[in-house]
C-alpha cells in the first residue's frame, strides 16, 4: 500500500547520491529552462535599449526558477492527494509514492521556495516599481492554482494557454521591464513563439497522459481534440514558432542572426515523429524530451542570435 511505502522507504535510508537525485528530480529540472530561457531573452532584448543591470537579472532569474520549481512541487503534492500518482507512474513525478518523501515536506519546500521568491521580488520592486509586486503575486497565485485548488488549470483545455502566457510573455515582459521601465513591441513579439513552445511542453505531456487523464476526469486539450489532432496541433505550434521568428527578421524587428534557431529544427521533427509512431506512455517519453529540448535549444539560439546581433 502507499502508506507502507511512505513509512518504510524514507529519504533518510537512501544513499546520499540517490537522495540528492530524488530531490533534484522533485523539482523536475527539465522544466526549469521554461523559466531560465524567457528571463534571459527579456534581458538580452533590454540590452539593445540600456545597459544590463546584472543584480536585477539574477534576482529575476532565481525568483522565476524558484516559482517554477515550487509549481512542480505543488503538482507533485496534489497529484498524490488526488490519487493520480502511483508506483507505476511514468516520468520523474511520483516521488512521494515511489521514494517515500513526505507530502508535508514537499508542500513545505514549495512554500519555502515561494517565500524566497517573494524576498527577491521585494528587492526587484525596491529597484524598479511596486507594481511588479502585484504582477508577481498574480503569477504566484496562478502557479499554485495550476494544479491546486478546486479546479486545477492544468486539468482544463486552457493549461497550454495559461502556462504559455505566464511563462512566455509574462516572464519576458517583466524581465525586459525591470531593466528598461517599459515593454517594447519587439519584446512582445519575441515572447509569442516563446509562449507557444512553453505551451507545447504541456501539450506533449498531456498527449502522453491522455488515457490516464481521461480516466481521472481531466479535460485537457489533448482529450478535447483527440490524440491524432493533438499531435497535429503540436506540429502546428512548432511550425508557427519558427515562422514567427523568420517573419520578425524579414520585417526588421530582430537580428537575422536569430535564424540560428533552425539549428534546432531536428528536435521538433523528432518529437512529432515519435508521437506518431508510439502510443504507450514509456515509448512516448523520447517525444516529450524532444519537445522540452526544442523549447530549450530554440530559446538559447534566439538569445545567442540577439547577442551576436547586439555586438556585431
C-alpha atoms as a PDB file:
ATOM      1  CA  UNK A   1       0.000   0.000   0.000  1.00  0.00           C
ATOM      2  CA  UNK A   2       1.039   3.603  -0.487  1.00  0.00           C
ATOM      3  CA  UNK A   3       1.099   4.307   3.250  1.00  0.00           C
ATOM      4  CA  UNK A   4       3.538   1.423   3.809  1.00  0.00           C
ATOM      5  CA  UNK A   5       5.788   2.726   1.065  1.00  0.00           C
ATOM      6  CA  UNK A   6       5.908   6.153   2.646  1.00  0.00           C
ATOM      7  CA  UNK A   7       6.772   4.775   6.068  1.00  0.00           C
ATOM      8  CA  UNK A   8       9.442   2.281   5.074  1.00  0.00           C
ATOM      9  CA  UNK A   9      11.178   3.935   2.147  1.00  0.00           C
ATOM     10  CA  UNK A  10      12.171   7.203   3.764  1.00  0.00           C
ATOM     11  CA  UNK A  11      14.754   9.574   2.319  1.00  0.00           C
ATOM     12  CA  UNK A  12      16.933   9.024   5.408  1.00  0.00           C
ATOM     13  CA  UNK A  13      17.509   5.420   4.332  1.00  0.00           C
ATOM     14  CA  UNK A  14      18.711   6.424   0.868  1.00  0.00           C
ATOM     15  CA  UNK A  15      22.304   6.626  -0.237  1.00  0.00           C
ATOM     16  CA  UNK A  16      23.456  10.280  -0.347  1.00  0.00           C
ATOM     17  CA  UNK A  17      23.812  10.299  -4.132  1.00  0.00           C
ATOM     18  CA  UNK A  18      20.364   8.831  -4.632  1.00  0.00           C
ATOM     19  CA  UNK A  19      18.838  11.184  -2.070  1.00  0.00           C
ATOM     20  CA  UNK A  20      20.273  14.158  -3.933  1.00  0.00           C
ATOM     21  CA  UNK A  21      18.887  12.786  -7.213  1.00  0.00           C
ATOM     22  CA  UNK A  22      15.418  12.329  -5.722  1.00  0.00           C
ATOM     23  CA  UNK A  23      15.270  15.923  -4.506  1.00  0.00           C
ATOM     24  CA  UNK A  24      16.656  17.171  -7.810  1.00  0.00           C
ATOM     25  CA  UNK A  25      14.067  15.201  -9.783  1.00  0.00           C
ATOM     26  CA  UNK A  26      11.331  16.505  -7.490  1.00  0.00           C
ATOM     27  CA  UNK A  27      11.988  19.957  -8.959  1.00  0.00           C
ATOM     28  CA  UNK A  28      11.605  18.453 -12.473  1.00  0.00           C
ATOM     29  CA  UNK A  29      14.755  20.089 -13.851  1.00  0.00           C
ATOM     30  CA  UNK A  30      13.788  19.585 -17.498  1.00  0.00           C
ATOM     31  CA  UNK A  31      11.043  22.186 -16.976  1.00  0.00           C
ATOM     32  CA  UNK A  32      13.303  24.809 -15.379  1.00  0.00           C
ATOM     33  CA  UNK A  33      14.537  26.007 -18.761  1.00  0.00           C
ATOM     34  CA  UNK A  34      10.976  27.245 -19.296  1.00  0.00           C
ATOM     35  CA  UNK A  35      11.868  29.866 -16.664  1.00  0.00           C
ATOM     36  CA  UNK A  36      15.545  30.404 -17.477  1.00  0.00           C
ATOM     37  CA  UNK A  37      15.155  30.995 -21.217  1.00  0.00           C
ATOM     38  CA  UNK A  38      12.451  33.729 -21.171  1.00  0.00           C
ATOM     39  CA  UNK A  39      14.189  35.666 -18.376  1.00  0.00           C
ATOM     40  CA  UNK A  40      17.362  35.688 -20.441  1.00  0.00           C
ATOM     41  CA  UNK A  41      15.556  36.610 -23.668  1.00  0.00           C
ATOM     42  CA  UNK A  42      13.964  39.602 -21.934  1.00  0.00           C
ATOM     43  CA  UNK A  43      17.308  40.705 -20.512  1.00  0.00           C
ATOM     44  CA  UNK A  44      19.135  40.377 -23.839  1.00  0.00           C
ATOM     45  CA  UNK A  45      16.421  42.371 -25.611  1.00  0.00           C
ATOM     46  CA  UNK A  46      16.778  45.063 -22.947  1.00  0.00           C
ATOM     47  CA  UNK A  47      20.486  45.358 -23.761  1.00  0.00           C
ATOM     48  CA  UNK A  48      19.509  46.974 -27.066  1.00  0.00           C
ATOM     49  CA  UNK A  49      17.967  49.859 -25.096  1.00  0.00           C
ATOM     50  CA  UNK A  50      20.015  50.132 -21.901  1.00  0.00           C
ATOM     51  CA  UNK A  51      22.960  48.682 -20.020  1.00  0.00           C
ATOM     52  CA  UNK A  52      22.132  45.427 -18.266  1.00  0.00           C
ATOM     53  CA  UNK A  53      21.530  45.625 -14.512  1.00  0.00           C
ATOM     54  CA  UNK A  54      23.040  42.280 -13.509  1.00  0.00           C
ATOM     55  CA  UNK A  55      21.686  42.093  -9.922  1.00  0.00           C
ATOM     56  CA  UNK A  56      18.135  42.615 -11.228  1.00  0.00           C
ATOM     57  CA  UNK A  57      18.654  39.986 -13.921  1.00  0.00           C
ATOM     58  CA  UNK A  58      19.962  37.436 -11.410  1.00  0.00           C
ATOM     59  CA  UNK A  59      17.187  38.203  -8.904  1.00  0.00           C
ATOM     60  CA  UNK A  60      14.558  37.763 -11.614  1.00  0.00           C
ATOM     61  CA  UNK A  61      16.213  34.568 -12.836  1.00  0.00           C
ATOM     62  CA  UNK A  62      16.420  32.937  -9.412  1.00  0.00           C
ATOM     63  CA  UNK A  63      12.879  34.003  -8.467  1.00  0.00           C
ATOM     64  CA  UNK A  64      11.487  32.566 -11.717  1.00  0.00           C
ATOM     65  CA  UNK A  65      13.349  29.277 -11.233  1.00  0.00           C
ATOM     66  CA  UNK A  66      12.072  29.000  -7.654  1.00  0.00           C
ATOM     67  CA  UNK A  67       8.474  29.680  -8.692  1.00  0.00           C
ATOM     68  CA  UNK A  68       8.730  27.084 -11.466  1.00  0.00           C
ATOM     69  CA  UNK A  69      10.224  24.506  -9.094  1.00  0.00           C
ATOM     70  CA  UNK A  70       7.541  25.262  -6.495  1.00  0.00           C
ATOM     71  CA  UNK A  71       4.815  24.891  -9.124  1.00  0.00           C
ATOM     72  CA  UNK A  72       6.230  21.460  -9.973  1.00  0.00           C
ATOM     73  CA  UNK A  73       6.119  20.512  -6.294  1.00  0.00           C
ATOM     74  CA  UNK A  74       2.508  21.668  -5.980  1.00  0.00           C
ATOM     75  CA  UNK A  75       1.821  19.385  -8.934  1.00  0.00           C
ATOM     76  CA  UNK A  76       3.589  16.517  -7.147  1.00  0.00           C
ATOM     77  CA  UNK A  77       1.646  17.151  -3.940  1.00  0.00           C
ATOM     78  CA  UNK A  78      -1.818  17.443  -5.457  1.00  0.00           C
ATOM     79  CA  UNK A  79      -1.370  14.558  -7.896  1.00  0.00           C
ATOM     80  CA  UNK A  80      -0.602  12.407  -4.857  1.00  0.00           C
ATOM     81  CA  UNK A  81      -3.514  13.789  -2.830  1.00  0.00           C
ATOM     82  CA  UNK A  82      -5.913  13.105  -5.709  1.00  0.00           C
ATOM     83  CA  UNK A  83      -4.569   9.578  -6.190  1.00  0.00           C
ATOM     84  CA  UNK A  84      -3.215  10.311  -9.669  1.00  0.00           C
ATOM     85  CA  UNK A  85       0.354   9.182  -8.902  1.00  0.00           C
ATOM     86  CA  UNK A  86       1.264   5.574  -8.214  1.00  0.00           C
ATOM     87  CA  UNK A  87       4.397   3.428  -8.220  1.00  0.00           C
ATOM     88  CA  UNK A  88       3.878   2.641 -11.897  1.00  0.00           C
ATOM     89  CA  UNK A  89       3.582   6.268 -12.985  1.00  0.00           C
ATOM     90  CA  UNK A  90       5.784   7.132 -15.944  1.00  0.00           C
ATOM     91  CA  UNK A  91       8.223  10.023 -15.740  1.00  0.00           C
ATOM     92  CA  UNK A  92      10.106  11.646 -12.886  1.00  0.00           C
ATOM     93  CA  UNK A  93       6.978  12.650 -10.978  1.00  0.00           C
ATOM     94  CA  UNK A  94       5.609  10.453  -8.192  1.00  0.00           C
ATOM     95  CA  UNK A  95       8.498  10.996  -5.755  1.00  0.00           C
ATOM     96  CA  UNK A  96       6.050  10.850  -2.845  1.00  0.00           C
ATOM     97  CA  UNK A  97       4.756   7.443  -3.892  1.00  0.00           C
ATOM     98  CA  UNK A  98       7.966   5.848  -5.138  1.00  0.00           C
ATOM     99  CA  UNK A  99      10.606   7.482  -2.949  1.00  0.00           C
ATOM    100  CA  UNK A 100       8.709   7.904   0.306  1.00  0.00           C
ATOM    101  CA  UNK A 101       9.077  11.669   0.583  1.00  0.00           C
ATOM    102  CA  UNK A 102       6.523  13.105   2.994  1.00  0.00           C
ATOM    103  CA  UNK A 103       3.740  15.094   1.259  1.00  0.00           C
ATOM    104  CA  UNK A 104       4.040  17.692   4.021  1.00  0.00           C
ATOM    105  CA  UNK A 105       7.751  18.053   3.263  1.00  0.00           C
ATOM    106  CA  UNK A 106       7.046  18.599  -0.426  1.00  0.00           C
ATOM    107  CA  UNK A 107       4.496  21.317   0.356  1.00  0.00           C
ATOM    108  CA  UNK A 108       6.823  22.936   2.904  1.00  0.00           C
ATOM    109  CA  UNK A 109       9.680  23.137   0.408  1.00  0.00           C
ATOM    110  CA  UNK A 110       7.355  24.556  -2.255  1.00  0.00           C
ATOM    111  CA  UNK A 111       6.126  27.276   0.102  1.00  0.00           C
ATOM    112  CA  UNK A 112       9.717  27.991   1.176  1.00  0.00           C
ATOM    113  CA  UNK A 113      10.684  28.491  -2.459  1.00  0.00           C
ATOM    114  CA  UNK A 114       7.754  30.876  -2.797  1.00  0.00           C
ATOM    115  CA  UNK A 115       8.934  32.742   0.290  1.00  0.00           C
ATOM    116  CA  UNK A 116      12.442  33.203  -1.118  1.00  0.00           C
ATOM    117  CA  UNK A 117      10.941  34.325  -4.433  1.00  0.00           C
ATOM    118  CA  UNK A 118       8.901  36.941  -2.539  1.00  0.00           C
ATOM    119  CA  UNK A 119      12.051  38.311  -0.892  1.00  0.00           C
ATOM    120  CA  UNK A 120      13.744  38.552  -4.274  1.00  0.00           C
ATOM    121  CA  UNK A 121      10.606  40.232  -5.577  1.00  0.00           C
ATOM    122  CA  UNK A 122      10.814  42.840  -2.821  1.00  0.00           C
ATOM    123  CA  UNK A 123      14.351  43.663  -3.938  1.00  0.00           C
ATOM    124  CA  UNK A 124      13.216  43.957  -7.559  1.00  0.00           C
ATOM    125  CA  UNK A 125      10.350  46.261  -6.517  1.00  0.00           C
ATOM    126  CA  UNK A 126      12.679  48.447  -4.462  1.00  0.00           C
ATOM    127  CA  UNK A 127      14.894  48.885  -7.517  1.00  0.00           C
ATOM    128  CA  UNK A 128      12.046  49.432 -10.008  1.00  0.00           C
ATOM    129  CA  UNK A 129       8.366  49.858  -9.107  1.00  0.00           C
ATOM    130  CA  UNK A 130       5.981  48.275  -6.620  1.00  0.00           C
ATOM    131  CA  UNK A 131       3.586  47.486  -9.449  1.00  0.00           C
ATOM    132  CA  UNK A 132       5.835  44.483 -10.026  1.00  0.00           C
ATOM    133  CA  UNK A 133       4.590  43.147  -6.672  1.00  0.00           C
ATOM    134  CA  UNK A 134       1.027  42.960  -7.985  1.00  0.00           C
ATOM    135  CA  UNK A 135       2.133  41.211 -11.166  1.00  0.00           C
ATOM    136  CA  UNK A 136       4.368  38.817  -9.242  1.00  0.00           C
ATOM    137  CA  UNK A 137       1.545  37.983  -6.835  1.00  0.00           C
ATOM    138  CA  UNK A 138      -0.747  37.091  -9.729  1.00  0.00           C
ATOM    139  CA  UNK A 139       1.975  34.876 -11.226  1.00  0.00           C
ATOM    140  CA  UNK A 140       2.456  33.038  -7.932  1.00  0.00           C
ATOM    141  CA  UNK A 141      -1.287  32.539  -7.441  1.00  0.00           C
ATOM    142  CA  UNK A 142      -1.572  31.119 -10.947  1.00  0.00           C
ATOM    143  CA  UNK A 143       1.422  28.871 -10.237  1.00  0.00           C
ATOM    144  CA  UNK A 144      -0.432  27.426  -7.241  1.00  0.00           C
ATOM    145  CA  UNK A 145      -3.813  27.174  -8.965  1.00  0.00           C
ATOM    146  CA  UNK A 146      -2.169  25.454 -11.923  1.00  0.00           C
ATOM    147  CA  UNK A 147      -2.519  22.128 -10.089  1.00  0.00           C
ATOM    148  CA  UNK A 148      -4.008  23.251  -6.752  1.00  0.00           C
ATOM    149  CA  UNK A 149      -7.454  24.495  -5.829  1.00  0.00           C
ATOM    150  CA  UNK A 150     -10.872  23.018  -6.652  1.00  0.00           C
ATOM    151  CA  UNK A 151     -10.413  23.274 -10.446  1.00  0.00           C
ATOM    152  CA  UNK A 152      -6.730  22.994 -11.399  1.00  0.00           C
ATOM    153  CA  UNK A 153      -5.879  24.884 -14.584  1.00  0.00           C
ATOM    154  CA  UNK A 154      -3.702  22.004 -15.786  1.00  0.00           C
ATOM    155  CA  UNK A 155      -6.761  19.731 -15.862  1.00  0.00           C
ATOM    156  CA  UNK A 156      -8.634  22.006 -18.292  1.00  0.00           C
ATOM    157  CA  UNK A 157      -8.216  22.766 -22.027  1.00  0.00           C
ATOM    158  CA  UNK A 158      -6.641  26.101 -21.047  1.00  0.00           C
ATOM    159  CA  UNK A 159      -3.471  24.736 -19.453  1.00  0.00           C
ATOM    160  CA  UNK A 160      -1.315  25.306 -22.528  1.00  0.00           C
ATOM    161  CA  UNK A 161      -2.563  28.869 -22.983  1.00  0.00           C
ATOM    162  CA  UNK A 162      -2.123  29.845 -19.327  1.00  0.00           C
ATOM    163  CA  UNK A 163       1.323  28.277 -18.943  1.00  0.00           C
ATOM    164  CA  UNK A 164       2.478  29.750 -22.238  1.00  0.00           C
ATOM    165  CA  UNK A 165       1.191  33.227 -21.396  1.00  0.00           C
ATOM    166  CA  UNK A 166       2.731  33.456 -17.941  1.00  0.00           C
ATOM    167  CA  UNK A 167       5.957  31.536 -18.617  1.00  0.00           C
ATOM    168  CA  UNK A 168       6.478  33.059 -22.056  1.00  0.00           C
ATOM    169  CA  UNK A 169       5.038  36.532 -22.452  1.00  0.00           C
ATOM    170  CA  UNK A 170       4.813  37.253 -18.731  1.00  0.00           C
ATOM    171  CA  UNK A 171       8.411  36.465 -17.847  1.00  0.00           C
ATOM    172  CA  UNK A 172       9.911  38.086 -20.947  1.00  0.00           C
ATOM    173  CA  UNK A 173       7.858  41.247 -20.421  1.00  0.00           C
ATOM    174  CA  UNK A 174       8.775  41.526 -16.727  1.00  0.00           C
ATOM    175  CA  UNK A 175      12.435  40.740 -17.386  1.00  0.00           C
ATOM    176  CA  UNK A 176      12.532  43.446 -20.045  1.00  0.00           C
ATOM    177  CA  UNK A 177      10.531  45.945 -17.970  1.00  0.00           C
ATOM    178  CA  UNK A 178      12.695  45.794 -14.849  1.00  0.00           C
ATOM    179  CA  UNK A 179      15.690  46.713 -16.998  1.00  0.00           C
ATOM    180  CA  UNK A 180      14.111  49.467 -19.112  1.00  0.00           C
ATOM    181  CA  UNK A 181      10.961  50.663 -17.332  1.00  0.00           C
ATOM    182  CA  UNK A 182       8.810  49.873 -20.362  1.00  0.00           C
ATOM    183  CA  UNK A 183       7.788  46.989 -22.640  1.00  0.00           C
ATOM    184  CA  UNK A 184       8.720  47.296 -26.304  1.00  0.00           C
ATOM    185  CA  UNK A 185       6.898  45.944 -29.334  1.00  0.00           C
ATOM    186  CA  UNK A 186       9.893  43.732 -30.046  1.00  0.00           C
ATOM    187  CA  UNK A 187       9.715  42.177 -26.577  1.00  0.00           C
ATOM    188  CA  UNK A 188       6.017  41.430 -27.057  1.00  0.00           C
ATOM    189  CA  UNK A 189       6.583  39.898 -30.492  1.00  0.00           C
ATOM    190  CA  UNK A 190       9.526  37.722 -29.463  1.00  0.00           C
ATOM    191  CA  UNK A 191       7.515  36.468 -26.488  1.00  0.00           C
ATOM    192  CA  UNK A 192       4.908  34.913 -28.802  1.00  0.00           C
ATOM    193  CA  UNK A 193       6.995  31.978 -30.111  1.00  0.00           C
ATOM    194  CA  UNK A 194       8.466  31.543 -26.625  1.00  0.00           C
ATOM    195  CA  UNK A 195       4.930  31.295 -25.208  1.00  0.00           C
ATOM    196  CA  UNK A 196       3.905  28.794 -27.859  1.00  0.00           C
ATOM    197  CA  UNK A 197       6.842  26.499 -27.122  1.00  0.00           C
ATOM    198  CA  UNK A 198       6.196  26.581 -23.368  1.00  0.00           C
ATOM    199  CA  UNK A 199       2.620  25.531 -24.111  1.00  0.00           C
ATOM    200  CA  UNK A 200       3.994  22.774 -26.350  1.00  0.00           C
ATOM    201  CA  UNK A 201       5.776  21.220 -23.369  1.00  0.00           C
ATOM    202  CA  UNK A 202       2.478  20.860 -21.518  1.00  0.00           C
ATOM    203  CA  UNK A 203       0.684  19.596 -24.628  1.00  0.00           C
ATOM    204  CA  UNK A 204       3.315  16.885 -25.123  1.00  0.00           C
ATOM    205  CA  UNK A 205       2.835  15.823 -21.507  1.00  0.00           C
ATOM    206  CA  UNK A 206      -0.925  15.718 -21.977  1.00  0.00           C
ATOM    207  CA  UNK A 207      -0.617  13.666 -25.164  1.00  0.00           C
ATOM    208  CA  UNK A 208       1.388  11.088 -23.256  1.00  0.00           C
ATOM    209  CA  UNK A 209      -1.021  11.068 -20.297  1.00  0.00           C
ATOM    210  CA  UNK A 210      -4.201  11.254 -22.389  1.00  0.00           C
ATOM    211  CA  UNK A 211      -5.682   7.886 -21.398  1.00  0.00           C
ATOM    212  CA  UNK A 212      -4.904   8.233 -17.705  1.00  0.00           C
ATOM    213  CA  UNK A 213      -6.144  11.822 -17.629  1.00  0.00           C
ATOM    214  CA  UNK A 214      -9.393  10.784 -19.279  1.00  0.00           C
ATOM    215  CA  UNK A 215      -9.925   8.052 -16.680  1.00  0.00           C
ATOM    216  CA  UNK A 216      -9.371  10.579 -13.881  1.00  0.00           C
ATOM    217  CA  UNK A 217     -11.851  13.079 -15.289  1.00  0.00           C
ATOM    218  CA  UNK A 218      -9.435  15.655 -16.646  1.00  0.00           C
ATOM    219  CA  UNK A 219     -10.483  17.757 -19.643  1.00  0.00           C
ATOM    220  CA  UNK A 220      -7.153  18.666 -21.220  1.00  0.00           C
ATOM    221  CA  UNK A 221      -6.738  19.984 -24.748  1.00  0.00           C
ATOM    222  CA  UNK A 222      -5.375  16.608 -25.863  1.00  0.00           C
ATOM    223  CA  UNK A 223      -8.536  14.897 -24.610  1.00  0.00           C
ATOM    224  CA  UNK A 224     -10.766  17.552 -26.165  1.00  0.00           C
ATOM    225  CA  UNK A 225      -9.338  17.236 -29.696  1.00  0.00           C
ATOM    226  CA  UNK A 226      -8.164  13.619 -29.579  1.00  0.00           C
ATOM    227  CA  UNK A 227      -4.683  12.131 -29.823  1.00  0.00           C
ATOM    228  CA  UNK A 228      -4.132  12.457 -33.578  1.00  0.00           C
ATOM    229  CA  UNK A 229      -5.359  16.041 -33.697  1.00  0.00           C
ATOM    230  CA  UNK A 230      -3.316  16.915 -30.606  1.00  0.00           C
ATOM    231  CA  UNK A 231      -0.168  15.758 -32.418  1.00  0.00           C
ATOM    232  CA  UNK A 232      -1.173  17.939 -35.372  1.00  0.00           C
ATOM    233  CA  UNK A 233      -1.665  20.893 -33.018  1.00  0.00           C
ATOM    234  CA  UNK A 234       1.787  20.242 -31.566  1.00  0.00           C
ATOM    235  CA  UNK A 235       3.321  20.187 -35.057  1.00  0.00           C
ATOM    236  CA  UNK A 236       1.494  23.422 -35.856  1.00  0.00           C
ATOM    237  CA  UNK A 237       2.882  25.057 -32.721  1.00  0.00           C
ATOM    238  CA  UNK A 238       6.410  24.177 -33.808  1.00  0.00           C
ATOM    239  CA  UNK A 239       5.875  25.472 -37.347  1.00  0.00           C
ATOM    240  CA  UNK A 240       4.316  28.738 -36.173  1.00  0.00           C
ATOM    241  CA  UNK A 241       7.152  29.365 -33.702  1.00  0.00           C
ATOM    242  CA  UNK A 242       9.811  29.070 -36.411  1.00  0.00           C
ATOM    243  CA  UNK A 243       7.730  31.019 -38.930  1.00  0.00           C
ATOM    244  CA  UNK A 244       7.236  33.905 -36.500  1.00  0.00           C
ATOM    245  CA  UNK A 245      10.968  34.360 -35.965  1.00  0.00           C
ATOM    246  CA  UNK A 246      11.505  34.362 -39.743  1.00  0.00           C
ATOM    247  CA  UNK A 247       8.779  36.978 -40.186  1.00  0.00           C
ATOM    248  CA  UNK A 248      10.226  39.169 -37.415  1.00  0.00           C
ATOM    249  CA  UNK A 249      13.614  39.043 -39.142  1.00  0.00           C
ATOM    250  CA  UNK A 250      12.110  39.933 -42.524  1.00  0.00           C
ATOM    251  CA  UNK A 251      10.196  42.852 -41.006  1.00  0.00           C
ATOM    252  CA  UNK A 252      13.386  44.044 -39.338  1.00  0.00           C
ATOM    253  CA  UNK A 253      12.330  43.726 -35.702  1.00  0.00           C
ATOM    254  CA  UNK A 254      15.168  41.384 -34.720  1.00  0.00           C
ATOM    255  CA  UNK A 255      18.613  40.420 -35.971  1.00  0.00           C
ATOM    256  CA  UNK A 256      18.921  37.921 -38.819  1.00  0.00           C
ATOM    257  CA  UNK A 257      21.293  36.039 -36.505  1.00  0.00           C
ATOM    258  CA  UNK A 258      18.214  34.701 -34.707  1.00  0.00           C
ATOM    259  CA  UNK A 259      17.726  32.446 -37.732  1.00  0.00           C
ATOM    260  CA  UNK A 260      20.192  30.242 -35.875  1.00  0.00           C
ATOM    261  CA  UNK A 261      17.006  28.695 -34.467  1.00  0.00           C
ATOM    262  CA  UNK A 262      16.984  26.393 -37.482  1.00  0.00           C
ATOM    263  CA  UNK A 263      19.903  24.526 -35.922  1.00  0.00           C
ATOM    264  CA  UNK A 264      17.274  23.097 -33.556  1.00  0.00           C
ATOM    265  CA  UNK A 265      14.813  22.003 -36.244  1.00  0.00           C
ATOM    266  CA  UNK A 266      15.571  18.289 -35.836  1.00  0.00           C
ATOM    267  CA  UNK A 267      14.162  18.271 -32.300  1.00  0.00           C
ATOM    268  CA  UNK A 268      10.562  19.221 -33.173  1.00  0.00           C
ATOM    269  CA  UNK A 269      10.644  16.830 -36.133  1.00  0.00           C
ATOM    270  CA  UNK A 270      11.749  14.066 -33.763  1.00  0.00           C
ATOM    271  CA  UNK A 271       9.008  14.967 -31.286  1.00  0.00           C
ATOM    272  CA  UNK A 272       6.215  14.760 -33.853  1.00  0.00           C
ATOM    273  CA  UNK A 273       7.616  11.603 -35.466  1.00  0.00           C
ATOM    274  CA  UNK A 274       7.988   9.801 -32.136  1.00  0.00           C
ATOM    275  CA  UNK A 275       4.456  10.705 -31.050  1.00  0.00           C
ATOM    276  CA  UNK A 276       3.046   9.424 -34.334  1.00  0.00           C
ATOM    277  CA  UNK A 277       4.725   6.032 -34.191  1.00  0.00           C
ATOM    278  CA  UNK A 278       4.381   5.343 -30.448  1.00  0.00           C
ATOM    279  CA  UNK A 279       1.320   5.162 -28.238  1.00  0.00           C
ATOM    280  CA  UNK A 280       2.462   3.740 -24.901  1.00  0.00           C
ATOM    281  CA  UNK A 281       3.485   6.023 -22.059  1.00  0.00           C
ATOM    282  CA  UNK A 282       7.048   4.732 -21.909  1.00  0.00           C
ATOM    283  CA  UNK A 283       7.622   4.773 -25.670  1.00  0.00           C
ATOM    284  CA  UNK A 284       6.387   8.382 -25.888  1.00  0.00           C
ATOM    285  CA  UNK A 285       8.995   9.658 -23.429  1.00  0.00           C
ATOM    286  CA  UNK A 286      11.553  10.454 -26.199  1.00  0.00           C
ATOM    287  CA  UNK A 287       8.917  12.641 -27.877  1.00  0.00           C
ATOM    288  CA  UNK A 288       8.374  14.555 -24.637  1.00  0.00           C
ATOM    289  CA  UNK A 289      12.108  15.003 -24.169  1.00  0.00           C
ATOM    290  CA  UNK A 290      12.463  16.258 -27.752  1.00  0.00           C
ATOM    291  CA  UNK A 291       9.666  18.784 -27.146  1.00  0.00           C
ATOM    292  CA  UNK A 292      11.324  20.118 -23.993  1.00  0.00           C
ATOM    293  CA  UNK A 293      14.676  20.310 -25.784  1.00  0.00           C
ATOM    294  CA  UNK A 294      13.035  22.213 -28.636  1.00  0.00           C
ATOM    295  CA  UNK A 295      11.984  24.906 -26.178  1.00  0.00           C
ATOM    296  CA  UNK A 296      15.417  24.982 -24.560  1.00  0.00           C
ATOM    297  CA  UNK A 297      17.591  24.969 -27.691  1.00  0.00           C
ATOM    298  CA  UNK A 298      15.264  27.290 -29.642  1.00  0.00           C
ATOM    299  CA  UNK A 299      15.315  29.787 -26.775  1.00  0.00           C
ATOM    300  CA  UNK A 300      19.073  29.626 -26.325  1.00  0.00           C
ATOM    301  CA  UNK A 301      19.609  30.126 -30.052  1.00  0.00           C
ATOM    302  CA  UNK A 302      17.313  33.166 -30.003  1.00  0.00           C
ATOM    303  CA  UNK A 303      19.415  34.564 -27.139  1.00  0.00           C
ATOM    304  CA  UNK A 304      22.668  33.824 -28.961  1.00  0.00           C
ATOM    305  CA  UNK A 305      21.334  35.373 -32.165  1.00  0.00           C
ATOM    306  CA  UNK A 306      20.235  38.508 -30.327  1.00  0.00           C
ATOM    307  CA  UNK A 307      23.588  38.752 -28.556  1.00  0.00           C
ATOM    308  CA  UNK A 308      25.535  38.394 -31.811  1.00  0.00           C
ATOM    309  CA  UNK A 309      23.276  40.986 -33.406  1.00  0.00           C
ATOM    310  CA  UNK A 310      23.938  43.334 -30.491  1.00  0.00           C
ATOM    311  CA  UNK A 311      27.726  43.051 -30.599  1.00  0.00           C
ATOM    312  CA  UNK A 312      28.227  42.815 -34.370  1.00  0.00           C
END
